[in-house]
Amino acid sequence: MLLQPPAGGKAAVVTTIHINTFMATATGGAESLGIFRSSTSNCASGHANERRIEDFTPAGLGETNLQYDLPGGLAVPAGKALCLQNFDPTNVRFEVSARGYAVPATAVPTS
């Protein structure tokens, strides 16, 4: 899991996802990182991929920032999570972090 909104009636707004590709023995379409919003607060296998956000395929080693600050950022409603899926962990590995801010849950629609 990349991010889950804080408890207490909060949602999250993501402005940047930072990706550090620290291993890439192969690159191409299959060596990618999927970023999606789950329909629940759990990213475990079997939970619904409610909204596909991004498929990131690195060209090689290095750092990348994905910006979501216009307009308003990437919303993660209360009770949902921002999740990751590495499609080829044998050949490519990532360190990923998210930056943003918390807002009242009522500020972000659940859909």
N, C-alpha and C. Protein backbone atom coordinates (compact mmCIF):
# COMPACT_ATOMS: atom_id res chain seq x y z
N MET A 1 0.85 -1.17 0.00
CA MET A 1 0.00 0.00 0.00
C MET A 1 0.90 1.24 0.00
N LEU A 2 0.50 2.20 -0.77
CA LEU A 2 1.23 3.46 -0.81
C LEU A 2 0.66 4.45 0.20
N LEU A 3 -0.67 4.57 0.27
CA LEU A 3 -1.26 5.58 1.13
C LEU A 3 -2.68 5.21 1.51
N GLN A 4 -2.99 5.45 2.77
CA GLN A 4 -4.36 5.31 3.27
C GLN A 4 -4.67 6.59 4.05
N PRO A 5 -5.82 7.23 3.82
CA PRO A 5 -6.13 8.45 4.56
C PRO A 5 -6.10 8.22 6.07
N PRO A 6 -5.75 9.25 6.83
CA PRO A 6 -5.73 9.10 8.28
C PRO A 6 -7.13 8.84 8.83
N ALA A 7 -7.18 8.20 9.97
CA ALA A 7 -8.46 7.92 10.63
C ALA A 7 -9.07 9.22 11.14
N GLY A 8 -10.31 9.15 11.55
CA GLY A 8 -10.97 10.31 12.15
C GLY A 8 -11.69 11.19 11.16
N GLY A 9 -12.29 10.57 10.16
CA GLY A 9 -13.08 11.35 9.22
C GLY A 9 -12.27 12.16 8.24
N LYS A 10 -11.13 11.63 7.81
CA LYS A 10 -10.25 12.34 6.88
C LYS A 10 -10.17 11.62 5.54
N ALA A 11 -9.91 12.39 4.51
CA ALA A 11 -9.56 11.88 3.19
C ALA A 11 -8.16 12.43 2.89
N ALA A 12 -7.57 11.99 1.80
CA ALA A 12 -6.23 12.47 1.44
C ALA A 12 -6.25 13.03 0.02
N VAL A 13 -5.40 14.00 -0.19
CA VAL A 13 -5.18 14.55 -1.52
C VAL A 13 -3.68 14.43 -1.80
N VAL A 14 -3.33 13.67 -2.82
CA VAL A 14 -1.94 13.43 -3.19
C VAL A 14 -1.55 14.44 -4.26
N THR A 15 -0.41 15.11 -4.05
CA THR A 15 0.08 16.07 -5.03
C THR A 15 1.28 15.53 -5.81
N THR A 16 2.05 14.61 -5.20
CA THR A 16 3.23 14.05 -5.86
C THR A 16 3.42 12.60 -5.44
N ILE A 17 3.74 11.76 -6.41
CA ILE A 17 4.21 10.41 -6.13
C ILE A 17 5.66 10.36 -6.61
N HIS A 18 6.56 10.03 -5.68
CA HIS A 18 7.99 9.97 -5.97
C HIS A 18 8.37 8.50 -6.16
N ILE A 19 8.98 8.19 -7.29
CA ILE A 19 9.38 6.81 -7.61
C ILE A 19 10.88 6.77 -7.81
N ASN A 20 11.57 5.92 -7.05
CA ASN A 20 12.98 5.67 -7.22
C ASN A 20 13.13 4.26 -7.78
N THR A 21 13.54 4.13 -9.03
CA THR A 21 13.79 2.82 -9.62
C THR A 21 15.23 2.47 -9.27
N PHE A 22 15.42 1.50 -8.35
CA PHE A 22 16.76 1.19 -7.89
C PHE A 22 17.30 -0.12 -8.46
N MET A 23 16.46 -0.86 -9.17
CA MET A 23 16.93 -2.06 -9.88
C MET A 23 16.13 -2.19 -11.17
N ALA A 24 16.84 -2.37 -12.28
CA ALA A 24 16.17 -2.57 -13.56
C ALA A 24 17.07 -3.42 -14.45
N THR A 25 16.92 -4.73 -14.34
CA THR A 25 17.71 -5.63 -15.18
C THR A 25 17.08 -5.78 -16.56
N ALA A 26 15.85 -5.36 -16.70
CA ALA A 26 15.15 -5.32 -17.99
C ALA A 26 14.18 -4.15 -17.93
N THR A 27 13.90 -3.54 -19.08
CA THR A 27 12.91 -2.48 -19.13
C THR A 27 12.02 -2.71 -20.34
N GLY A 28 10.81 -2.24 -20.24
CA GLY A 28 9.84 -2.41 -21.32
C GLY A 28 8.44 -2.43 -20.75
N GLY A 29 7.48 -2.79 -21.56
CA GLY A 29 6.08 -2.76 -21.15
C GLY A 29 5.73 -3.63 -19.97
N ALA A 30 6.37 -4.81 -19.85
CA ALA A 30 6.03 -5.72 -18.76
C ALA A 30 6.68 -5.32 -17.44
N GLU A 31 7.73 -4.52 -17.50
CA GLU A 31 8.45 -4.10 -16.31
C GLU A 31 7.90 -2.76 -15.85
N SER A 32 6.73 -2.79 -15.24
CA SER A 32 6.08 -1.54 -14.87
C SER A 32 5.49 -1.60 -13.47
N LEU A 33 5.15 -0.44 -12.99
CA LEU A 33 4.53 -0.26 -11.69
C LEU A 33 3.13 0.27 -11.90
N GLY A 34 2.13 -0.44 -11.41
CA GLY A 34 0.75 0.01 -11.50
C GLY A 34 0.37 0.76 -10.24
N ILE A 35 -0.27 1.90 -10.40
CA ILE A 35 -0.77 2.69 -9.27
C ILE A 35 -2.28 2.78 -9.45
N PHE A 36 -3.02 2.35 -8.42
CA PHE A 36 -4.47 2.35 -8.52
C PHE A 36 -5.11 2.68 -7.18
N ARG A 37 -6.36 3.10 -7.22
CA ARG A 37 -7.13 3.33 -6.01
C ARG A 37 -7.99 2.10 -5.78
N SER A 38 -7.92 1.56 -4.58
CA SER A 38 -8.69 0.39 -4.20
C SER A 38 -10.10 0.81 -3.79
N SER A 39 -11.05 -0.08 -3.97
CA SER A 39 -12.43 0.21 -3.55
C SER A 39 -12.61 0.04 -2.05
N THR A 40 -11.58 -0.45 -1.35
CA THR A 40 -11.61 -0.60 0.10
C THR A 40 -10.34 0.03 0.68
N SER A 41 -10.18 -0.07 1.98
CA SER A 41 -8.96 0.45 2.61
C SER A 41 -7.84 -0.57 2.58
N ASN A 42 -7.99 -1.63 1.81
CA ASN A 42 -7.03 -2.73 1.76
C ASN A 42 -6.52 -2.90 0.34
N CYS A 43 -5.23 -3.10 0.19
CA CYS A 43 -4.64 -3.31 -1.14
C CYS A 43 -4.33 -4.78 -1.40
N ALA A 44 -4.68 -5.64 -0.47
CA ALA A 44 -4.36 -7.06 -0.62
C ALA A 44 -4.98 -7.63 -1.89
N SER A 45 -4.35 -8.68 -2.38
CA SER A 45 -4.84 -9.36 -3.58
C SER A 45 -6.31 -9.72 -3.43
N GLY A 46 -7.06 -9.51 -4.46
CA GLY A 46 -8.48 -9.83 -4.43
C GLY A 46 -9.37 -8.63 -4.18
N HIS A 47 -8.78 -7.51 -3.78
CA HIS A 47 -9.58 -6.31 -3.57
C HIS A 47 -9.70 -5.54 -4.88
N ALA A 48 -10.82 -4.94 -5.07
CA ALA A 48 -11.14 -4.33 -6.37
C ALA A 48 -10.27 -3.13 -6.68
N ASN A 49 -9.82 -3.09 -7.91
CA ASN A 49 -9.12 -1.95 -8.46
C ASN A 49 -10.20 -0.99 -8.93
N GLU A 50 -10.54 -0.02 -8.10
CA GLU A 50 -11.64 0.88 -8.42
C GLU A 50 -11.27 1.87 -9.52
N ARG A 51 -10.05 2.38 -9.47
CA ARG A 51 -9.65 3.39 -10.45
C ARG A 51 -8.16 3.25 -10.75
N ARG A 52 -7.84 2.97 -11.98
CA ARG A 52 -6.44 2.91 -12.42
C ARG A 52 -5.93 4.34 -12.53
N ILE A 53 -4.83 4.62 -11.87
CA ILE A 53 -4.28 5.97 -11.85
C ILE A 53 -3.15 6.11 -12.88
N GLU A 54 -2.22 5.16 -12.85
CA GLU A 54 -1.01 5.32 -13.64
C GLU A 54 -0.35 3.96 -13.84
N ASP A 55 0.24 3.75 -15.00
CA ASP A 55 1.17 2.65 -15.24
C ASP A 55 2.50 3.31 -15.54
N PHE A 56 3.47 3.10 -14.67
CA PHE A 56 4.78 3.73 -14.80
C PHE A 56 5.78 2.68 -15.27
N THR A 57 6.42 2.94 -16.41
CA THR A 57 7.45 2.06 -16.96
C THR A 57 8.75 2.84 -17.01
N PRO A 58 9.74 2.44 -16.19
CA PRO A 58 10.99 3.19 -16.17
C PRO A 58 11.85 2.92 -17.40
N ALA A 59 12.61 3.92 -17.80
CA ALA A 59 13.57 3.75 -18.89
C ALA A 59 14.88 3.17 -18.36
N GLY A 60 15.07 3.21 -17.06
CA GLY A 60 16.29 2.73 -16.42
C GLY A 60 16.27 3.13 -14.96
N LEU A 61 17.43 3.16 -14.35
CA LEU A 61 17.54 3.55 -12.95
C LEU A 61 17.33 5.04 -12.79
N GLY A 62 16.84 5.43 -11.61
CA GLY A 62 16.70 6.85 -11.33
C GLY A 62 15.39 7.20 -10.67
N GLU A 63 15.22 8.50 -10.45
CA GLU A 63 14.06 9.02 -9.74
C GLU A 63 13.13 9.77 -10.67
N THR A 64 11.83 9.62 -10.38
CA THR A 64 10.78 10.28 -11.16
C THR A 64 9.73 10.81 -10.21
N ASN A 65 9.24 12.02 -10.47
CA ASN A 65 8.12 12.57 -9.71
C ASN A 65 6.91 12.65 -10.62
N LEU A 66 5.81 12.06 -10.20
CA LEU A 66 4.54 12.17 -10.90
C LEU A 66 3.74 13.25 -10.18
N GLN A 67 3.39 14.30 -10.88
CA GLN A 67 2.71 15.45 -10.28
C GLN A 67 1.20 15.35 -10.48
N TYR A 68 0.44 15.60 -9.42
CA TYR A 68 -1.03 15.60 -9.47
C TYR A 68 -1.59 16.86 -8.83
N ASP A 69 -0.88 17.97 -8.92
CA ASP A 69 -1.30 19.17 -8.21
C ASP A 69 -2.29 20.04 -8.97
N LEU A 70 -2.60 19.73 -10.23
CA LEU A 70 -3.60 20.52 -10.96
C LEU A 70 -4.63 19.60 -11.57
N PRO A 71 -5.88 19.83 -11.47
CA PRO A 71 -6.51 20.75 -10.52
C PRO A 71 -6.80 20.03 -9.21
N GLY A 72 -6.23 20.47 -8.17
CA GLY A 72 -6.58 19.99 -6.83
C GLY A 72 -5.94 18.72 -6.34
N GLY A 73 -5.24 17.97 -7.16
CA GLY A 73 -4.57 16.77 -6.69
C GLY A 73 -5.35 15.50 -6.96
N LEU A 74 -4.79 14.40 -6.50
CA LEU A 74 -5.36 13.06 -6.67
C LEU A 74 -6.08 12.68 -5.39
N ALA A 75 -7.39 12.56 -5.44
CA ALA A 75 -8.19 12.33 -4.24
C ALA A 75 -8.20 10.86 -3.84
N VAL A 76 -8.03 10.62 -2.55
CA VAL A 76 -8.17 9.29 -1.97
C VAL A 76 -9.21 9.41 -0.86
N PRO A 77 -10.47 9.01 -1.13
CA PRO A 77 -11.53 9.17 -0.14
C PRO A 77 -11.29 8.34 1.12
N ALA A 78 -11.95 8.72 2.18
CA ALA A 78 -11.93 7.94 3.42
C ALA A 78 -12.41 6.53 3.11
N GLY A 79 -11.79 5.54 3.73
CA GLY A 79 -12.18 4.15 3.53
C GLY A 79 -11.61 3.51 2.29
N LYS A 80 -10.74 4.22 1.56
CA LYS A 80 -10.10 3.67 0.36
C LYS A 80 -8.59 3.80 0.51
N ALA A 81 -7.84 3.27 -0.43
CA ALA A 81 -6.38 3.32 -0.35
C ALA A 81 -5.78 3.52 -1.73
N LEU A 82 -4.60 4.11 -1.74
CA LEU A 82 -3.82 4.24 -2.96
C LEU A 82 -2.82 3.08 -2.93
N CYS A 83 -2.84 2.25 -3.97
CA CYS A 83 -2.11 0.98 -3.96
C CYS A 83 -1.11 0.89 -5.11
N LEU A 84 -0.17 -0.04 -4.95
CA LEU A 84 0.86 -0.28 -5.95
C LEU A 84 0.86 -1.74 -6.36
N GLN A 85 1.25 -2.00 -7.60
CA GLN A 85 1.47 -3.36 -8.05
C GLN A 85 2.69 -3.36 -8.97
N ASN A 86 3.72 -4.08 -8.56
CA ASN A 86 4.92 -4.25 -9.39
C ASN A 86 4.66 -5.45 -10.29
N PHE A 87 4.58 -5.22 -11.60
CA PHE A 87 4.24 -6.27 -12.53
C PHE A 87 5.39 -7.22 -12.83
N ASP A 88 6.63 -6.85 -12.47
CA ASP A 88 7.79 -7.73 -12.71
C ASP A 88 8.84 -7.53 -11.63
N PRO A 89 8.57 -7.98 -10.39
CA PRO A 89 9.51 -7.76 -9.29
C PRO A 89 10.84 -8.48 -9.45
N THR A 90 10.94 -9.43 -10.37
CA THR A 90 12.20 -10.10 -10.62
C THR A 90 13.18 -9.17 -11.32
N ASN A 91 12.67 -8.33 -12.22
CA ASN A 91 13.54 -7.50 -13.05
C ASN A 91 13.56 -6.02 -12.72
N VAL A 92 12.60 -5.54 -11.98
CA VAL A 92 12.56 -4.11 -11.66
C VAL A 92 12.02 -3.91 -10.24
N ARG A 93 12.68 -3.00 -9.51
CA ARG A 93 12.26 -2.72 -8.13
C ARG A 93 12.22 -1.22 -7.91
N PHE A 94 11.27 -0.83 -7.06
CA PHE A 94 10.99 0.59 -6.84
C PHE A 94 10.90 0.89 -5.35
N GLU A 95 11.26 2.11 -4.97
CA GLU A 95 10.89 2.71 -3.69
C GLU A 95 9.93 3.82 -4.04
N VAL A 96 8.79 3.87 -3.37
CA VAL A 96 7.75 4.83 -3.74
C VAL A 96 7.25 5.54 -2.49
N SER A 97 7.05 6.85 -2.61
CA SER A 97 6.45 7.63 -1.53
C SER A 97 5.46 8.62 -2.14
N ALA A 98 4.56 9.09 -1.30
CA ALA A 98 3.55 10.05 -1.76
C ALA A 98 3.59 11.28 -0.87
N ARG A 99 3.31 12.42 -1.47
CA ARG A 99 3.22 13.68 -0.72
C ARG A 99 1.85 14.29 -1.00
N GLY A 100 1.30 14.92 0.01
CA GLY A 100 0.00 15.54 -0.13
C GLY A 100 -0.48 16.06 1.20
N TYR A 101 -1.80 16.07 1.38
CA TYR A 101 -2.36 16.61 2.62
C TYR A 101 -3.69 15.95 2.92
N ALA A 102 -4.09 16.04 4.18
CA ALA A 102 -5.38 15.50 4.64
C ALA A 102 -6.43 16.59 4.57
N VAL A 103 -7.65 16.17 4.28
CA VAL A 103 -8.81 17.08 4.25
C VAL A 103 -9.96 16.37 4.93
N PRO A 104 -11.00 17.10 5.32
CA PRO A 104 -12.19 16.43 5.87
C PRO A 104 -12.75 15.46 4.82
N ALA A 105 -13.22 14.32 5.28
CA ALA A 105 -13.76 13.29 4.36
C ALA A 105 -14.86 13.84 3.47
N THR A 106 -15.60 14.80 3.96
CA THR A 106 -16.71 15.37 3.18
C THR A 106 -16.21 16.20 1.99
N ALA A 107 -14.94 16.55 1.96
CA ALA A 107 -14.38 17.35 0.87
C ALA A 107 -14.04 16.50 -0.35
N VAL A 108 -14.06 15.18 -0.19
CA VAL A 108 -13.71 14.26 -1.30
C VAL A 108 -14.85 13.28 -1.49
N PRO A 109 -15.51 13.28 -2.65
CA PRO A 109 -16.59 12.32 -2.88
C PRO A 109 -16.07 10.88 -2.84
N THR A 110 -16.87 9.96 -2.38
CA THR A 110 -16.43 8.57 -2.27
C THR A 110 -16.30 7.89 -3.62
N SER A 111 -16.89 8.45 -4.66
CA SER A 111 -16.73 7.87 -6.00
C SER A 111 -15.77 8.70 -6.79
